[in-house]
Protein backbone atom coordinates (compact mmCIF):
# COMPACT_ATOMS: atom_id res chain seq x y z
CA MET A 1 -42.96 -87.34 79.34
CA VAL A 2 -40.20 -87.65 81.83
CA SER A 3 -38.10 -84.60 82.62
CA ALA A 4 -35.19 -85.58 80.40
CA ALA A 5 -37.50 -86.07 77.46
CA LEU A 6 -39.14 -82.73 78.03
CA ALA A 7 -35.80 -81.07 77.52
CA LEU A 8 -36.58 -81.54 73.85
CA ALA A 9 -40.17 -80.31 74.08
CA GLY A 10 -41.50 -77.76 71.65
CA CYS A 11 -40.59 -77.15 68.05
CA ALA A 12 -39.44 -73.73 69.19
CA SER A 13 -37.54 -74.99 72.21
CA SER A 14 -35.73 -78.01 70.82
CA PRO A 15 -31.95 -77.71 71.23
CA THR A 16 -29.76 -78.41 68.26
CA SER A 17 -28.07 -81.33 69.99
CA ALA A 18 -28.46 -83.45 73.09
CA PRO A 19 -25.76 -84.26 75.64
CA ALA A 20 -23.43 -87.12 74.81
CA GLY A 21 -25.03 -90.47 75.50
CA THR A 22 -28.59 -89.14 75.33
CA ASP A 23 -30.78 -91.01 72.88
CA HIS A 24 -34.51 -90.31 72.65
CA SER A 25 -35.03 -91.93 69.26
CA SER A 26 -36.60 -95.08 70.73
CA ARG A 27 -39.14 -93.07 72.71
CA TYR A 28 -40.71 -91.10 69.83
CA SER A 29 -41.67 -92.02 66.30
CA ILE A 30 -40.40 -88.71 64.89
CA THR A 31 -37.19 -86.90 65.77
CA GLN A 32 -38.20 -83.27 65.17
CA ASP A 33 -41.29 -81.75 66.73
CA ARG A 34 -43.87 -80.26 64.38
CA ALA A 35 -47.41 -78.95 64.08
CA PRO A 36 -50.18 -81.35 63.11
CA SER A 37 -51.08 -81.61 59.45
CA GLY A 38 -54.19 -79.83 58.23
CA ASN A 39 -55.71 -76.60 59.43
CA PHE A 40 -56.65 -77.18 63.06
CA ASP A 41 -59.19 -74.58 64.28
CA ALA A 42 -58.58 -73.65 67.92
CA SER A 43 -61.00 -70.72 68.03
CA GLY A 44 -63.80 -72.73 69.63
CA LEU A 45 -61.60 -74.72 72.00
CA SER A 46 -62.56 -74.27 75.63
CA ASP A 47 -60.01 -73.36 78.25
CA ALA A 48 -59.00 -75.74 80.99
CA VAL A 49 -61.36 -75.49 83.97
CA PRO A 50 -59.51 -75.16 87.30
CA VAL A 51 -60.66 -77.55 90.03
CA TYR A 52 -59.35 -78.38 93.47
CA GLN A 53 -57.11 -81.41 93.72
CA LYS A 54 -55.30 -82.73 96.76
CA PRO A 55 -51.50 -82.36 96.52
CA VAL A 56 -49.82 -85.28 94.79
CA ARG A 57 -46.23 -86.50 94.67
CA ALA A 58 -46.09 -87.44 90.99
CA GLY A 59 -43.93 -84.92 89.14
CA ASN A 60 -43.30 -82.83 92.24
CA MET A 61 -39.85 -83.78 93.45
CA SER A 62 -38.47 -80.88 95.50
CA SER A 63 -35.56 -80.71 93.05
CA TYR A 64 -34.52 -82.49 89.88
CA THR A 65 -31.70 -82.31 87.35
CA VAL A 66 -31.91 -82.11 83.57
CA TRP A 67 -28.79 -81.98 81.41
CA GLY A 68 -26.60 -81.16 84.41
CA LYS A 69 -28.74 -78.25 85.63
CA GLN A 70 -30.76 -78.44 88.84
CA TYR A 71 -34.32 -77.14 89.11
CA SER A 72 -36.54 -76.66 92.16
CA VAL A 73 -40.30 -77.19 92.44
CA MET A 74 -42.26 -74.54 94.33
CA ASP A 75 -43.87 -75.40 97.67
CA SER A 76 -47.05 -73.65 96.51
CA ASN A 77 -48.33 -71.97 93.34
CA ASP A 78 -50.16 -69.30 95.37
CA GLY A 79 -49.49 -65.79 94.11
CA TYR A 80 -47.17 -66.83 91.26
CA VAL A 81 -46.95 -64.42 88.33
CA ALA A 82 -44.06 -64.03 85.90
CA ARG A 83 -43.29 -62.76 82.42
CA GLY A 84 -41.03 -64.41 79.89
CA THR A 85 -40.90 -66.36 76.63
CA ALA A 86 -43.38 -69.11 75.77
CA SER A 87 -42.73 -71.86 73.25
CA TRP A 88 -44.91 -74.82 72.29
CA TYR A 89 -44.75 -78.57 71.74
CA GLY A 90 -46.85 -80.77 69.51
CA GLU A 91 -46.93 -83.87 67.36
CA LYS A 92 -43.66 -85.45 68.49
CA PHE A 93 -44.94 -85.74 72.05
CA HIS A 94 -48.63 -86.32 71.29
CA GLY A 95 -49.87 -89.45 73.10
CA HIS A 96 -46.84 -89.77 75.38
CA LYS A 97 -46.82 -89.47 79.14
CA THR A 98 -46.33 -86.13 80.87
CA SER A 99 -44.22 -85.74 83.98
CA ASN A 100 -47.10 -86.57 86.30
CA GLY A 101 -48.25 -89.59 84.31
CA GLU A 102 -51.05 -88.00 82.28
CA THR A 103 -51.16 -88.32 78.50
CA PHE A 104 -50.10 -85.31 76.46
CA ASP A 105 -52.73 -84.20 73.95
CA MET A 106 -51.57 -81.37 71.69
CA TYR A 107 -55.21 -80.49 70.99
CA GLN A 108 -55.99 -79.76 74.66
CA MET A 109 -55.19 -76.69 76.77
CA SER A 110 -52.13 -77.82 78.71
CA ALA A 111 -48.61 -76.67 79.47
CA ALA A 112 -45.20 -77.57 80.86
CA HIS A 113 -43.42 -75.47 83.49
CA LYS A 114 -40.13 -76.01 85.30
CA SER A 115 -41.16 -75.09 88.84
CA LEU A 116 -44.96 -74.81 89.30
CA ARG A 117 -46.48 -77.69 91.21
CA ILE A 118 -48.37 -80.12 88.97
CA PRO A 119 -51.11 -80.56 88.18
CA GLY A 120 -51.94 -76.88 88.43
CA TYR A 121 -53.56 -74.14 86.40
CA ALA A 122 -52.43 -70.83 84.95
CA ARG A 123 -53.72 -68.00 82.83
CA VAL A 124 -51.27 -67.23 80.04
CA THR A 125 -51.48 -63.84 78.30
CA ASN A 126 -49.81 -63.04 75.01
CA LEU A 127 -48.36 -59.60 75.74
CA ASP A 128 -48.21 -58.70 72.07
CA ASN A 129 -51.91 -59.11 71.29
CA GLY A 130 -53.69 -59.35 74.66
CA ARG A 131 -55.12 -62.83 74.04
CA THR A 132 -55.42 -65.12 77.05
CA VAL A 133 -55.90 -68.84 77.71
CA ILE A 134 -56.25 -70.94 80.83
CA VAL A 135 -54.14 -74.10 80.75
CA ARG A 136 -53.64 -77.16 82.93
CA VAL A 137 -49.97 -77.40 83.89
CA ASN A 138 -49.12 -81.11 83.99
CA ASP A 139 -45.61 -81.37 82.60
CA ARG A 140 -42.02 -80.24 83.15
CA GLY A 141 -40.07 -78.01 80.79
CA PRO A 142 -39.00 -76.19 78.71
CA PHE A 143 -35.29 -76.60 79.44
CA HIS A 144 -33.96 -74.53 76.56
CA GLY A 145 -32.45 -71.09 77.19
CA ASP A 146 -34.61 -68.67 79.12
CA ARG A 147 -37.98 -70.12 78.10
CA LEU A 148 -40.62 -69.70 80.80
CA ILE A 149 -43.38 -72.08 79.70
CA ASP A 150 -44.18 -74.61 76.96
CA LEU A 151 -47.79 -74.64 75.80
CA SER A 152 -49.59 -77.33 73.86
CA TYR A 153 -49.90 -76.62 70.15
CA ALA A 154 -53.61 -75.83 70.57
CA ALA A 155 -52.99 -73.31 73.35
CA ALA A 156 -50.24 -71.63 71.34
CA LYS A 157 -52.50 -71.39 68.31
CA LYS A 158 -55.28 -69.87 70.39
CA LEU A 159 -52.79 -67.27 71.61
CA GLY A 160 -51.76 -66.62 68.01
CA TYR A 161 -48.05 -67.46 68.04
CA GLN A 162 -47.88 -71.04 66.73
CA SER A 163 -46.38 -69.92 63.41
CA ARG A 164 -43.72 -67.75 65.09
CA GLY A 165 -42.74 -70.43 67.60
CA THR A 166 -42.40 -68.14 70.61
CA ALA A 167 -44.17 -65.20 72.24
CA ARG A 168 -43.77 -62.81 75.15
CA VAL A 169 -46.24 -63.88 77.80
CA GLU A 170 -47.38 -63.35 81.33
CA VAL A 171 -48.12 -66.47 83.38
CA ALA A 172 -50.39 -66.12 86.41
CA SER A 173 -51.15 -69.17 88.50
CA ILE A 174 -54.75 -70.07 89.36
CA THR A 175 -55.14 -71.90 92.66
CA VAL A 176 -58.32 -73.55 93.90
CA LYS A 177 -59.04 -74.02 97.59
CA PRO A 178 -60.91 -77.04 99.04
CA ASP A 179 -64.07 -74.91 99.33
CA GLY A 180 -63.92 -74.18 95.59
CA SER A 181 -62.80 -70.56 95.87
CA MET A 182 -60.21 -69.50 93.29
CA PHE A 183 -57.32 -67.08 93.30
CA MET A 184 -55.27 -65.87 90.36
CA ALA A 185 -51.87 -64.43 91.23
CA GLY A 186 -53.20 -63.74 94.72
CA GLN A 187 -56.45 -62.08 93.59
CA PRO A 188 -59.97 -63.52 94.01
CA PHE A 189 -61.01 -65.04 90.71
CA ALA A 190 -64.10 -66.73 89.27
CA LEU A 191 -65.08 -68.45 86.03
CA ASP A 192 -68.21 -68.21 83.84
CA GLY A 193 -68.67 -64.51 84.40
CA GLN A 194 -69.39 -64.81 88.11
CA GLN A 195 -68.67 -61.80 90.26
CA THR A 196 -65.99 -62.16 92.92
CA VAL A 197 -65.95 -60.30 96.21
CA GLN A 198 -64.10 -60.63 99.47
CA SER A 199 -66.04 -62.23 102.29
CA ALA A 200 -65.82 -60.99 105.86
CA ALA A 201 -63.49 -63.89 106.59
CA GLY A 202 -61.19 -62.80 103.78
CA GLY A 203 -62.00 -65.63 101.36
CA ALA A 204 -63.25 -65.37 97.81
CA VAL A 205 -66.98 -65.73 97.32
CA ALA A 206 -68.66 -65.98 93.91
CA ILE A 207 -72.06 -64.33 93.50
CA ASN A 208 -74.45 -64.14 90.57
CA ASP A 209 -76.65 -61.18 91.37
CA GLY A 210 -76.76 -58.02 93.43
CA GLN A 211 -74.29 -55.18 93.59
CA ASP A 212 -72.27 -53.73 96.43
CA ALA A 213 -73.50 -50.24 97.22
CA ASN A 214 -69.91 -48.97 97.22
CA SER A 215 -68.90 -50.72 94.00
CA GLY A 216 -69.64 -50.66 90.31
CA LEU A 217 -70.30 -53.50 87.89
CA PHE A 218 -67.52 -54.01 85.33
CA VAL A 219 -66.45 -56.42 82.62
CA GLN A 220 -62.80 -57.18 83.37
CA LEU A 221 -60.67 -58.11 80.36
CA GLY A 222 -57.42 -58.87 82.15
CA SER A 223 -55.11 -58.15 85.05
CA PHE A 224 -51.37 -57.59 84.65
CA SER A 225 -48.41 -57.13 86.95
CA SER A 226 -47.04 -54.37 84.69
CA ARG A 227 -48.95 -51.44 83.25
CA ASP A 228 -47.70 -51.56 79.64
CA PRO A 229 -49.70 -54.64 78.48
CA ALA A 230 -52.73 -53.35 80.38
CA GLU A 231 -52.64 -50.07 78.48
CA LYS A 232 -52.25 -51.89 75.16
CA LEU A 233 -55.31 -53.98 75.94
CA GLN A 234 -57.18 -50.83 76.96
CA VAL A 235 -56.44 -49.20 73.59
CA ARG A 236 -57.52 -52.32 71.72
CA ALA A 237 -60.81 -52.59 73.63
CA SER A 238 -61.54 -48.85 73.34
CA SER A 239 -61.30 -49.06 69.56
CA LEU A 240 -64.12 -51.63 69.53
CA LEU A 241 -66.51 -50.23 72.15
CA ASP A 242 -68.46 -47.08 72.94
CA ASN A 243 -68.25 -47.87 76.67
CA PRO A 244 -65.51 -46.40 78.84
CA VAL A 245 -62.48 -48.65 79.31
CA ARG A 246 -60.15 -48.02 82.24
CA VAL A 247 -56.96 -49.37 83.73
CA ARG A 248 -57.33 -49.56 87.51
CA SER A 249 -54.20 -50.21 89.57
CA VAL A 250 -54.70 -52.07 92.84
CA ASP A 251 -52.25 -53.15 95.53
CA THR A 252 -52.58 -56.70 96.83
CA ALA A 253 -50.58 -58.96 99.10
CA SER A 254 -48.87 -60.28 95.96
CA GLY A 255 -47.98 -56.83 94.62
CA ARG A 256 -49.53 -54.22 92.35
CA PHE A 257 -51.82 -55.30 89.50
CA HIS A 258 -53.37 -53.32 86.66
CA ARG A 259 -56.93 -54.31 85.82
CA VAL A 260 -58.43 -53.55 82.40
CA GLN A 261 -62.15 -52.97 82.91
CA VAL A 262 -65.13 -51.88 80.81
CA GLY A 263 -67.86 -49.95 82.62
CA PRO A 264 -69.35 -49.25 85.04
CA PHE A 265 -72.74 -50.72 84.16
CA GLN A 266 -76.07 -50.00 85.86
CA ASP A 267 -77.25 -53.61 85.82
CA GLU A 268 -75.99 -57.12 85.17
CA GLY A 269 -77.95 -57.46 81.94
CA SER A 270 -76.07 -54.57 80.34
CA ALA A 271 -72.74 -55.97 81.52
CA ARG A 272 -73.54 -59.42 80.12
CA LYS A 273 -74.58 -57.95 76.77
CA THR A 274 -71.23 -56.17 76.48
CA GLN A 275 -69.41 -59.31 77.60
CA ARG A 276 -71.06 -61.30 74.80
CA LEU A 277 -70.08 -58.63 72.29
CA LEU A 278 -66.50 -58.74 73.55
CA ASP A 279 -66.47 -62.51 73.19
CA THR A 280 -67.24 -62.16 69.47
CA LYS A 281 -64.30 -59.74 69.20
CA GLY A 282 -61.80 -62.20 70.65
CA PHE A 283 -62.01 -61.31 74.36
CA SER A 284 -63.04 -64.79 75.44
CA GLN A 285 -61.71 -64.66 79.01
CA SER A 286 -63.58 -61.64 80.36
CA ILE A 287 -65.39 -61.82 83.68
CA VAL A 288 -68.16 -59.71 85.20
CA LEU A 289 -67.36 -58.46 88.68
CA THR A 290 -67.94 -55.70 91.17
CA ASP A 291 -65.10 -53.31 91.83
CA SER A 292 -64.76 -49.95 93.54
CA HIS A 293 -64.91 -46.79 91.44
């Protein structure tokens, strides 16, 4: 979708009327966005997998204007984290082009954002229930009110707010360096339960075994820029587990973050067993890592 078209994105973000002279009827086969028919099950849908990609120009004009309002695109997504309202978009835009030329698929984990560079990646957390998804940001929008991000219908359903239309969320960018190392909101980050530690050179290194003598092994459920959602997630996890669950506050170059962690564990096998249990309870984005006590 082009930027002007995305101004209408999302059944929850569609304005009641368009500016004079704006006509999108020829672009889409339906006028009002909606959810797909049937009972689509998003529970088993995998998150987007962040990968390194060289910077591209498509969809990344330094500034652009939609409906008379000017927006700026960030020079870099590094360290970005923000809270706000998420909406979603679906069937009306399914199969049409996104702002960087990709095809929008409402059944995939994708999103639209006004200022993040695209394509990019972000972890989106529903602050009301603690659920998280990782999405590929490949579109522009939403341009309605104070909305922060527009998720695909599938991503919104996985976060549990598709029927409400909107949700309070935290968006944390995930950036991937040419060497494959990942950072989320300025913190070292890894997928597939890999541990992440800081190398002597300051970069993020993923490891699969061993344990730092000065650290413990934890299952991390999430990391937040404010303490309130972290404590809510702690309470939710504590009600399901016999293991200790803590909120550890750490100061980074990007600010203070509050990590929700289960443990410590004596060995990786015990940590993985708890991680699998958590996955069955809806904590699908946990990671195993080493962290100081």
